[in-house]
Amino acid sequence: MKTKPDKTLDCLGLYCPEPVFKTRMELDELKKGETLEVLADDPAAEEDIRSLVKHLEQELVGVSKEGNTVRILIRKVK
């Protein structure tokens, strides 16, 4: 993923529901068009954050994994 995030949210070491809760809080703070990068190592985080992004009707730019860490890029469209 080449997109440079406007903000990075480090949720490493946090477990459900914290990564989703913190992602929601950060998305609320972003301006339309900005991008949030979420780093998490909770096995449930990827699926939970995908659901959140869909529910909030935002854009999931991409997901990548490196070891136990998942990197999720979200663009605020609304």
PDB file of N, CA and C in Angstrom:
ATOM      1  N   MET A   1       0.846  -1.187   0.000  1.00  0.00           N
ATOM      2  CA  MET A   1       0.000   0.000   0.000  1.00  0.00           C
ATOM      3  C   MET A   1       0.883   1.238   0.000  1.00  0.00           C
ATOM      4  N   LYS A   2       0.639   2.070  -0.978  1.00  0.00           N
ATOM      5  CA  LYS A   2       1.475   3.254  -1.133  1.00  0.00           C
ATOM      6  C   LYS A   2       0.880   4.490  -0.466  1.00  0.00           C
ATOM      7  N   THR A   3      -0.399   4.461  -0.159  1.00  0.00           N
ATOM      8  CA  THR A   3      -1.059   5.623   0.424  1.00  0.00           C
ATOM      9  C   THR A   3      -0.425   5.995   1.755  1.00  0.00           C
ATOM     10  N   LYS A   4      -0.080   7.280   1.901  1.00  0.00           N
ATOM     11  CA  LYS A   4       0.487   7.760   3.163  1.00  0.00           C
ATOM     12  C   LYS A   4      -0.664   8.190   4.064  1.00  0.00           C
ATOM     13  N   PRO A   5      -0.780   7.566   5.228  1.00  0.00           N
ATOM     14  CA  PRO A   5      -1.893   7.929   6.114  1.00  0.00           C
ATOM     15  C   PRO A   5      -1.727   9.322   6.717  1.00  0.00           C
ATOM     16  N   ASP A   6      -2.850   9.967   6.975  1.00  0.00           N
ATOM     17  CA  ASP A   6      -2.836  11.264   7.664  1.00  0.00           C
ATOM     18  C   ASP A   6      -2.609  11.042   9.154  1.00  0.00           C
ATOM     19  N   LYS A   7      -3.031   9.872   9.641  1.00  0.00           N
ATOM     20  CA  LYS A   7      -2.894   9.559  11.059  1.00  0.00           C
ATOM     21  C   LYS A   7      -2.697   8.062  11.229  1.00  0.00           C
ATOM     22  N   THR A   8      -1.881   7.677  12.219  1.00  0.00           N
ATOM     23  CA  THR A   8      -1.671   6.260  12.533  1.00  0.00           C
ATOM     24  C   THR A   8      -2.176   5.989  13.938  1.00  0.00           C
ATOM     25  N   LEU A   9      -2.959   4.911  14.058  1.00  0.00           N
ATOM     26  CA  LEU A   9      -3.492   4.487  15.345  1.00  0.00           C
ATOM     27  C   LEU A   9      -2.827   3.171  15.712  1.00  0.00           C
ATOM     28  N   ASP A  10      -2.052   3.172  16.778  1.00  0.00           N
ATOM     29  CA  ASP A  10      -1.336   1.973  17.225  1.00  0.00           C
ATOM     30  C   ASP A  10      -2.174   1.229  18.260  1.00  0.00           C
ATOM     31  N   CYS A  11      -2.730   0.087  17.834  1.00  0.00           N
ATOM     32  CA  CYS A  11      -3.543  -0.737  18.743  1.00  0.00           C
ATOM     33  C   CYS A  11      -2.815  -2.031  19.097  1.00  0.00           C
ATOM     34  N   LEU A  12      -1.505  -2.058  18.905  1.00  0.00           N
ATOM     35  CA  LEU A  12      -0.738  -3.266  19.213  1.00  0.00           C
ATOM     36  C   LEU A  12      -0.817  -3.554  20.712  1.00  0.00           C
ATOM     37  N   GLY A  13      -1.104  -4.794  21.046  1.00  0.00           N
ATOM     38  CA  GLY A  13      -1.214  -5.182  22.445  1.00  0.00           C
ATOM     39  C   GLY A  13      -2.603  -4.969  23.036  1.00  0.00           C
ATOM     40  N   LEU A  14      -3.514  -4.398  22.249  1.00  0.00           N
ATOM     41  CA  LEU A  14      -4.878  -4.175  22.729  1.00  0.00           C
ATOM     42  C   LEU A  14      -5.791  -5.280  22.195  1.00  0.00           C
ATOM     43  N   TYR A  15      -6.780  -5.627  22.968  1.00  0.00           N
ATOM     44  CA  TYR A  15      -7.686  -6.700  22.560  1.00  0.00           C
ATOM     45  C   TYR A  15      -9.124  -6.212  22.536  1.00  0.00           C
ATOM     46  N   CYS A  16      -9.933  -6.912  21.767  1.00  0.00           N
ATOM     47  CA  CYS A  16     -11.335  -6.607  21.560  1.00  0.00           C
ATOM     48  C   CYS A  16     -12.006  -6.231  22.890  1.00  0.00           C
ATOM     49  N   PRO A  17     -12.753  -5.159  22.906  1.00  0.00           N
ATOM     50  CA  PRO A  17     -13.190  -4.315  21.779  1.00  0.00           C
ATOM     51  C   PRO A  17     -12.357  -3.048  21.583  1.00  0.00           C
ATOM     52  N   GLU A  18     -11.231  -2.929  22.269  1.00  0.00           N
ATOM     53  CA  GLU A  18     -10.469  -1.670  22.222  1.00  0.00           C
ATOM     54  C   GLU A  18     -10.046  -1.214  20.822  1.00  0.00           C
ATOM     55  N   PRO A  19      -9.473  -2.090  19.968  1.00  0.00           N
ATOM     56  CA  PRO A  19      -9.069  -1.597  18.638  1.00  0.00           C
ATOM     57  C   PRO A  19     -10.239  -1.009  17.838  1.00  0.00           C
ATOM     58  N   VAL A  20     -11.404  -1.645  17.901  1.00  0.00           N
ATOM     59  CA  VAL A  20     -12.574  -1.148  17.170  1.00  0.00           C
ATOM     60  C   VAL A  20     -13.057   0.166  17.776  1.00  0.00           C
ATOM     61  N   PHE A  21     -13.122   0.232  19.094  1.00  0.00           N
ATOM     62  CA  PHE A  21     -13.563   1.445  19.785  1.00  0.00           C
ATOM     63  C   PHE A  21     -12.639   2.611  19.448  1.00  0.00           C
ATOM     64  N   LYS A  22     -11.334   2.381  19.532  1.00  0.00           N
ATOM     65  CA  LYS A  22     -10.364   3.446  19.247  1.00  0.00           C
ATOM     66  C   LYS A  22     -10.411   3.858  17.776  1.00  0.00           C
ATOM     67  N   THR A  23     -10.608   2.880  16.874  1.00  0.00           N
ATOM     68  CA  THR A  23     -10.719   3.189  15.443  1.00  0.00           C
ATOM     69  C   THR A  23     -11.923   4.094  15.205  1.00  0.00           C
ATOM     70  N   ARG A  24     -13.042   3.772  15.833  1.00  0.00           N
ATOM     71  CA  ARG A  24     -14.254   4.591  15.691  1.00  0.00           C
ATOM     72  C   ARG A  24     -13.996   6.011  16.183  1.00  0.00           C
ATOM     73  N   MET A  25     -13.356   6.145  17.313  1.00  0.00           N
ATOM     74  CA  MET A  25     -13.071   7.470  17.871  1.00  0.00           C
ATOM     75  C   MET A  25     -12.177   8.285  16.914  1.00  0.00           C
ATOM     76  N   GLU A  26     -11.152   7.632  16.367  1.00  0.00           N
ATOM     77  CA  GLU A  26     -10.237   8.321  15.443  1.00  0.00           C
ATOM     78  C   GLU A  26     -10.954   8.725  14.156  1.00  0.00           C
ATOM     79  N   LEU A  27     -11.790   7.833  13.622  1.00  0.00           N
ATOM     80  CA  LEU A  27     -12.525   8.162  12.396  1.00  0.00           C
ATOM     81  C   LEU A  27     -13.432   9.369  12.613  1.00  0.00           C
ATOM     82  N   ASP A  28     -14.018   9.462  13.795  1.00  0.00           N
ATOM     83  CA  ASP A  28     -14.872  10.605  14.102  1.00  0.00           C
ATOM     84  C   ASP A  28     -14.087  11.916  14.070  1.00  0.00           C
ATOM     85  N   GLU A  29     -12.792  11.851  14.381  1.00  0.00           N
ATOM     86  CA  GLU A  29     -11.945  13.047  14.424  1.00  0.00           C
ATOM     87  C   GLU A  29     -11.415  13.451  13.047  1.00  0.00           C
ATOM     88  N   LEU A  30     -11.331  12.506  12.125  1.00  0.00           N
ATOM     89  CA  LEU A  30     -10.760  12.795  10.806  1.00  0.00           C
ATOM     90  C   LEU A  30     -11.681  13.671   9.974  1.00  0.00           C
ATOM     91  N   LYS A  31     -11.055  14.413   9.047  1.00  0.00           N
ATOM     92  CA  LYS A  31     -11.824  15.201   8.091  1.00  0.00           C
ATOM     93  C   LYS A  31     -12.091  14.319   6.868  1.00  0.00           C
ATOM     94  N   LYS A  32     -13.135  14.631   6.139  1.00  0.00           N
ATOM     95  CA  LYS A  32     -13.470  13.898   4.923  1.00  0.00           C
ATOM     96  C   LYS A  32     -12.258  13.895   3.981  1.00  0.00           C
ATOM     97  N   GLY A  33     -11.920  12.717   3.450  1.00  0.00           N
ATOM     98  CA  GLY A  33     -10.790  12.592   2.528  1.00  0.00           C
ATOM     99  C   GLY A  33      -9.494  12.182   3.203  1.00  0.00           C
ATOM    100  N   GLU A  34      -9.428  12.282   4.524  1.00  0.00           N
ATOM    101  CA  GLU A  34      -8.214  11.880   5.241  1.00  0.00           C
ATOM    102  C   GLU A  34      -8.172  10.364   5.412  1.00  0.00           C
ATOM    103  N   THR A  35      -6.965   9.869   5.631  1.00  0.00           N
ATOM    104  CA  THR A  35      -6.742   8.428   5.744  1.00  0.00           C
ATOM    105  C   THR A  35      -6.193   8.065   7.113  1.00  0.00           C
ATOM    106  N   LEU A  36      -6.745   6.992   7.680  1.00  0.00           N
ATOM    107  CA  LEU A  36      -6.316   6.474   8.980  1.00  0.00           C
ATOM    108  C   LEU A  36      -5.667   5.111   8.784  1.00  0.00           C
ATOM    109  N   GLU A  37      -4.488   4.943   9.360  1.00  0.00           N
ATOM    110  CA  GLU A  37      -3.803   3.649   9.365  1.00  0.00           C
ATOM    111  C   GLU A  37      -3.968   3.059  10.763  1.00  0.00           C
ATOM    112  N   VAL A  38      -4.452   1.819  10.821  1.00  0.00           N
ATOM    113  CA  VAL A  38      -4.626   1.142  12.104  1.00  0.00           C
ATOM    114  C   VAL A  38      -3.677  -0.049  12.147  1.00  0.00           C
ATOM    115  N   LEU A  39      -2.884  -0.141  13.197  1.00  0.00           N
ATOM    116  CA  LEU A  39      -1.989  -1.277  13.416  1.00  0.00           C
ATOM    117  C   LEU A  39      -2.531  -2.069  14.592  1.00  0.00           C
ATOM    118  N   ALA A  40      -2.721  -3.370  14.391  1.00  0.00           N
ATOM    119  CA  ALA A  40      -3.284  -4.192  15.461  1.00  0.00           C
ATOM    120  C   ALA A  40      -2.715  -5.607  15.393  1.00  0.00           C
ATOM    121  N   ASP A  41      -2.687  -6.263  16.543  1.00  0.00           N
ATOM    122  CA  ASP A  41      -2.231  -7.663  16.580  1.00  0.00           C
ATOM    123  C   ASP A  41      -3.262  -8.577  17.242  1.00  0.00           C
ATOM    124  N   ASP A  42      -4.429  -8.045  17.529  1.00  0.00           N
ATOM    125  CA  ASP A  42      -5.528  -8.863  18.041  1.00  0.00           C
ATOM    126  C   ASP A  42      -6.088  -9.653  16.854  1.00  0.00           C
ATOM    127  N   PRO A  43      -6.172 -10.990  16.963  1.00  0.00           N
ATOM    128  CA  PRO A  43      -6.661 -11.800  15.848  1.00  0.00           C
ATOM    129  C   PRO A  43      -8.052 -11.391  15.345  1.00  0.00           C
ATOM    130  N   ALA A  44      -8.882 -10.827  16.210  1.00  0.00           N
ATOM    131  CA  ALA A  44     -10.244 -10.437  15.811  1.00  0.00           C
ATOM    132  C   ALA A  44     -10.296  -9.036  15.191  1.00  0.00           C
ATOM    133  N   ALA A  45      -9.227  -8.272  15.316  1.00  0.00           N
ATOM    134  CA  ALA A  45      -9.257  -6.862  14.918  1.00  0.00           C
ATOM    135  C   ALA A  45      -9.577  -6.657  13.442  1.00  0.00           C
ATOM    136  N   GLU A  46      -8.959  -7.446  12.566  1.00  0.00           N
ATOM    137  CA  GLU A  46      -9.179  -7.224  11.130  1.00  0.00           C
ATOM    138  C   GLU A  46     -10.654  -7.360  10.775  1.00  0.00           C
ATOM    139  N   GLU A  47     -11.261  -8.446  11.159  1.00  0.00           N
ATOM    140  CA  GLU A  47     -12.671  -8.666  10.829  1.00  0.00           C
ATOM    141  C   GLU A  47     -13.565  -7.621  11.490  1.00  0.00           C
ATOM    142  N   ASP A  48     -13.289  -7.312  12.753  1.00  0.00           N
ATOM    143  CA  ASP A  48     -14.093  -6.321  13.480  1.00  0.00           C
ATOM    144  C   ASP A  48     -13.998  -4.936  12.836  1.00  0.00           C
ATOM    145  N   ILE A  49     -12.796  -4.539  12.439  1.00  0.00           N
ATOM    146  CA  ILE A  49     -12.602  -3.206  11.855  1.00  0.00           C
ATOM    147  C   ILE A  49     -13.196  -3.161  10.442  1.00  0.00           C
ATOM    148  N   ARG A  50     -13.092  -4.264   9.700  1.00  0.00           N
ATOM    149  CA  ARG A  50     -13.756  -4.329   8.377  1.00  0.00           C
ATOM    150  C   ARG A  50     -15.260  -4.087   8.545  1.00  0.00           C
ATOM    151  N   SER A  51     -15.861  -4.737   9.539  1.00  0.00           N
ATOM    152  CA  SER A  51     -17.300  -4.568   9.789  1.00  0.00           C
ATOM    153  C   SER A  51     -17.629  -3.125  10.166  1.00  0.00           C
ATOM    154  N   LEU A  52     -16.788  -2.529  11.005  1.00  0.00           N
ATOM    155  CA  LEU A  52     -16.988  -1.142  11.417  1.00  0.00           C
ATOM    156  C   LEU A  52     -16.949  -0.204  10.217  1.00  0.00           C
ATOM    157  N   VAL A  53     -15.947  -0.380   9.357  1.00  0.00           N
ATOM    158  CA  VAL A  53     -15.784   0.479   8.180  1.00  0.00           C
ATOM    159  C   VAL A  53     -17.016   0.368   7.273  1.00  0.00           C
ATOM    160  N   LYS A  54     -17.494  -0.855   7.086  1.00  0.00           N
ATOM    161  CA  LYS A  54     -18.682  -1.070   6.257  1.00  0.00           C
ATOM    162  C   LYS A  54     -19.907  -0.417   6.906  1.00  0.00           C
ATOM    163  N   HIS A  55     -20.053  -0.617   8.199  1.00  0.00           N
ATOM    164  CA  HIS A  55     -21.187  -0.051   8.942  1.00  0.00           C
ATOM    165  C   HIS A  55     -21.197   1.480   8.866  1.00  0.00           C
ATOM    166  N   LEU A  56     -20.024   2.082   8.956  1.00  0.00           N
ATOM    167  CA  LEU A  56     -19.914   3.545   8.928  1.00  0.00           C
ATOM    168  C   LEU A  56     -19.884   4.102   7.505  1.00  0.00           C
ATOM    169  N   GLU A  57     -19.904   3.191   6.515  1.00  0.00           N
ATOM    170  CA  GLU A  57     -19.859   3.555   5.091  1.00  0.00           C
ATOM    171  C   GLU A  57     -18.622   4.371   4.738  1.00  0.00           C
ATOM    172  N   GLN A  58     -17.481   3.936   5.274  1.00  0.00           N
ATOM    173  CA  GLN A  58     -16.203   4.542   4.922  1.00  0.00           C
ATOM    174  C   GLN A  58     -15.513   3.625   3.909  1.00  0.00           C
ATOM    175  N   GLU A  59     -14.348   4.034   3.418  1.00  0.00           N
ATOM    176  CA  GLU A  59     -13.657   3.250   2.394  1.00  0.00           C
ATOM    177  C   GLU A  59     -12.480   2.474   2.984  1.00  0.00           C
ATOM    178  N   LEU A  60     -12.502   1.166   2.784  1.00  0.00           N
ATOM    179  CA  LEU A  60     -11.378   0.330   3.191  1.00  0.00           C
ATOM    180  C   LEU A  60     -10.376   0.377   2.043  1.00  0.00           C
ATOM    181  N   VAL A  61      -9.264   1.073   2.244  1.00  0.00           N
ATOM    182  CA  VAL A  61      -8.266   1.255   1.189  1.00  0.00           C
ATOM    183  C   VAL A  61      -7.447  -0.016   1.007  1.00  0.00           C
ATOM    184  N   GLY A  62      -7.099  -0.663   2.121  1.00  0.00           N
ATOM    185  CA  GLY A  62      -6.316  -1.878   2.011  1.00  0.00           C
ATOM    186  C   GLY A  62      -5.985  -2.482   3.353  1.00  0.00           C
ATOM    187  N   VAL A  63      -5.611  -3.756   3.282  1.00  0.00           N
ATOM    188  CA  VAL A  63      -5.221  -4.501   4.476  1.00  0.00           C
ATOM    189  C   VAL A  63      -3.960  -5.279   4.130  1.00  0.00           C
ATOM    190  N   SER A  64      -2.960  -5.214   5.005  1.00  0.00           N
ATOM    191  CA  SER A  64      -1.759  -6.022   4.797  1.00  0.00           C
ATOM    192  C   SER A  64      -1.350  -6.621   6.139  1.00  0.00           C
ATOM    193  N   LYS A  65      -0.647  -7.738   6.058  1.00  0.00           N
ATOM    194  CA  LYS A  65      -0.210  -8.418   7.276  1.00  0.00           C
ATOM    195  C   LYS A  65       1.282  -8.642   7.238  1.00  0.00           C
ATOM    196  N   GLU A  66       1.883  -8.482   8.417  1.00  0.00           N
ATOM    197  CA  GLU A  66       3.307  -8.771   8.571  1.00  0.00           C
ATOM    198  C   GLU A  66       3.449  -9.475   9.908  1.00  0.00           C
ATOM    199  N   GLY A  67       3.691 -10.771   9.871  1.00  0.00           N
ATOM    200  CA  GLY A  67       3.722 -11.543  11.107  1.00  0.00           C
ATOM    201  C   GLY A  67       2.346 -11.532  11.742  1.00  0.00           C
ATOM    202  N   ASN A  68       2.284 -11.165  13.019  1.00  0.00           N
ATOM    203  CA  ASN A  68       1.003 -11.100  13.733  1.00  0.00           C
ATOM    204  C   ASN A  68       0.313  -9.744  13.603  1.00  0.00           C
ATOM    205  N   THR A  69       0.983  -8.808  12.952  1.00  0.00           N
ATOM    206  CA  THR A  69       0.458  -7.453  12.860  1.00  0.00           C
ATOM    207  C   THR A  69      -0.330  -7.250  11.579  1.00  0.00           C
ATOM    208  N   VAL A  70      -1.524  -6.693  11.720  1.00  0.00           N
ATOM    209  CA  VAL A  70      -2.333  -6.335  10.559  1.00  0.00           C
ATOM    210  C   VAL A  70      -2.327  -4.816  10.451  1.00  0.00           C
ATOM    211  N   ARG A  71      -2.217  -4.332   9.210  1.00  0.00           N
ATOM    212  CA  ARG A  71      -2.212  -2.888   8.937  1.00  0.00           C
ATOM    213  C   ARG A  71      -3.440  -2.606   8.074  1.00  0.00           C
ATOM    214  N   ILE A  72      -4.318  -1.776   8.574  1.00  0.00           N
ATOM    215  CA  ILE A  72      -5.575  -1.493   7.892  1.00  0.00           C
ATOM    216  C   ILE A  72      -5.607  -0.004   7.565  1.00  0.00           C
ATOM    217  N   LEU A  73      -5.882   0.295   6.307  1.00  0.00           N
ATOM    218  CA  LEU A  73      -5.927   1.679   5.848  1.00  0.00           C
ATOM    219  C   LEU A  73      -7.370   2.032   5.503  1.00  0.00           C
ATOM    220  N   ILE A  74      -7.868   3.098   6.112  1.00  0.00           N
ATOM    221  CA  ILE A  74      -9.265   3.513   5.959  1.00  0.00           C
ATOM    222  C   ILE A  74      -9.309   4.970   5.517  1.00  0.00           C
ATOM    223  N   ARG A  75     -10.099   5.257   4.473  1.00  0.00           N
ATOM    224  CA  ARG A  75     -10.289   6.646   4.052  1.00  0.00           C
ATOM    225  C   ARG A  75     -11.679   7.100   4.487  1.00  0.00           C
ATOM    226  N   LYS A  76     -11.720   8.269   5.089  1.00  0.00           N
ATOM    227  CA  LYS A  76     -13.013   8.826   5.509  1.00  0.00           C
ATOM    228  C   LYS A  76     -13.681   9.467   4.288  1.00  0.00           C
ATOM    229  N   VAL A  77     -14.841   8.965   3.936  1.00  0.00           N
ATOM    230  CA  VAL A  77     -15.546   9.486   2.764  1.00  0.00           C
ATOM    231  C   VAL A  77     -16.816  10.240   3.139  1.00  0.00           C
ATOM    232  N   LYS A  78     -17.254  10.138   4.384  1.00  0.00           N
ATOM    233  CA  LYS A  78     -18.475  10.830   4.827  1.00  0.00           C
ATOM    234  C   LYS A  78     -18.196  11.632   6.083  1.00  0.00           C
TER     235      LYS A  78
END
